[in-house]
Amino acid sequence: MSNYNIKTLEYYIEKHGDTKGRGVYAAELKKKEKYDAQPFKRLTKDWFLWRYGAEEGQIRFESHV
């Protein structure tokens, strides 16, 4: 089960109108797909190293904690 939850298509259509609502929903689906494909839990040291590489990941992790 994913930790990234999105609302229903109907919710986005009601909030933004038909055309824009479908676009927002499609963008949210892409974000969810990317989030679910990550091999590590977000914002852990391993995630920073995977996401940004060894050197940049270490720097970003240290500034995060």
Protein backbone atom coordinates (compact mmCIF):
# COMPACT_ATOMS: atom_id res chain seq x y z
CA MET A 1 0.00 0.00 0.00
CA SER A 2 1.23 3.43 -0.89
CA ASN A 3 1.89 6.24 1.53
CA TYR A 4 1.11 8.79 -1.18
CA ASN A 5 -2.64 9.18 -1.33
CA ILE A 6 -4.52 11.16 -3.91
CA LYS A 7 -8.14 12.15 -4.03
CA THR A 8 -10.63 10.84 -6.59
CA LEU A 9 -11.02 12.15 -10.13
CA GLU A 10 -14.46 13.42 -9.19
CA TYR A 11 -12.96 15.51 -6.39
CA TYR A 12 -10.54 17.26 -8.77
CA ILE A 13 -13.26 17.83 -11.39
CA GLU A 14 -15.53 19.35 -8.74
CA LYS A 15 -12.74 21.56 -7.42
CA HIS A 16 -11.13 22.68 -10.72
CA GLY A 17 -13.69 22.01 -13.46
CA ASP A 18 -13.65 19.23 -16.02
CA THR A 19 -10.57 20.01 -18.14
CA LYS A 20 -8.27 21.36 -15.44
CA GLY A 21 -9.49 18.76 -12.93
CA ARG A 22 -8.53 15.91 -15.26
CA GLY A 23 -5.10 17.49 -15.76
CA VAL A 24 -4.50 17.91 -12.04
CA TYR A 25 -5.61 14.32 -11.43
CA ALA A 26 -3.23 13.03 -14.14
CA ALA A 27 -0.36 15.01 -12.58
CA GLU A 28 -1.15 13.55 -9.16
CA LEU A 29 -1.13 10.03 -10.63
CA LYS A 30 2.36 10.67 -12.06
CA LYS A 31 3.59 11.92 -8.67
CA LYS A 32 2.15 8.84 -6.97
CA GLU A 33 3.82 6.55 -9.49
CA LYS A 34 7.19 8.22 -8.94
CA TYR A 35 6.76 8.17 -5.15
CA ASP A 36 5.81 4.47 -5.14
CA ALA A 37 8.85 3.57 -7.27
CA GLN A 38 11.37 4.87 -4.70
CA PRO A 39 13.43 2.08 -3.21
CA PHE A 40 13.92 3.80 0.16
CA LYS A 41 11.74 5.56 2.69
CA ARG A 42 11.81 9.30 2.01
CA LEU A 43 14.14 11.62 3.90
CA THR A 44 16.38 8.85 5.23
CA LYS A 45 20.11 8.90 4.59
CA ASP A 46 19.78 6.08 2.05
CA TRP A 47 17.08 8.01 0.21
CA PHE A 48 19.21 11.16 -0.03
CA LEU A 49 22.17 9.13 -1.32
CA TRP A 50 19.95 7.37 -3.89
CA ARG A 51 18.25 10.57 -4.98
CA TYR A 52 21.25 12.92 -5.22
CA GLY A 53 24.35 10.72 -5.39
CA ALA A 54 27.01 10.13 -2.74
CA GLU A 55 28.52 13.60 -2.33
CA GLU A 56 25.44 15.80 -2.87
CA GLY A 57 23.25 13.33 -0.97
CA GLN A 58 25.50 13.45 2.08
CA ILE A 59 25.45 17.25 2.07
CA ARG A 60 21.68 17.43 1.72
CA PHE A 61 21.13 14.77 4.39
CA GLU A 62 23.35 16.62 6.87
CA SER A 63 21.52 19.88 6.23
CA HIS A 64 18.20 18.05 6.63
CA VAL A 65 19.06 16.64 10.04
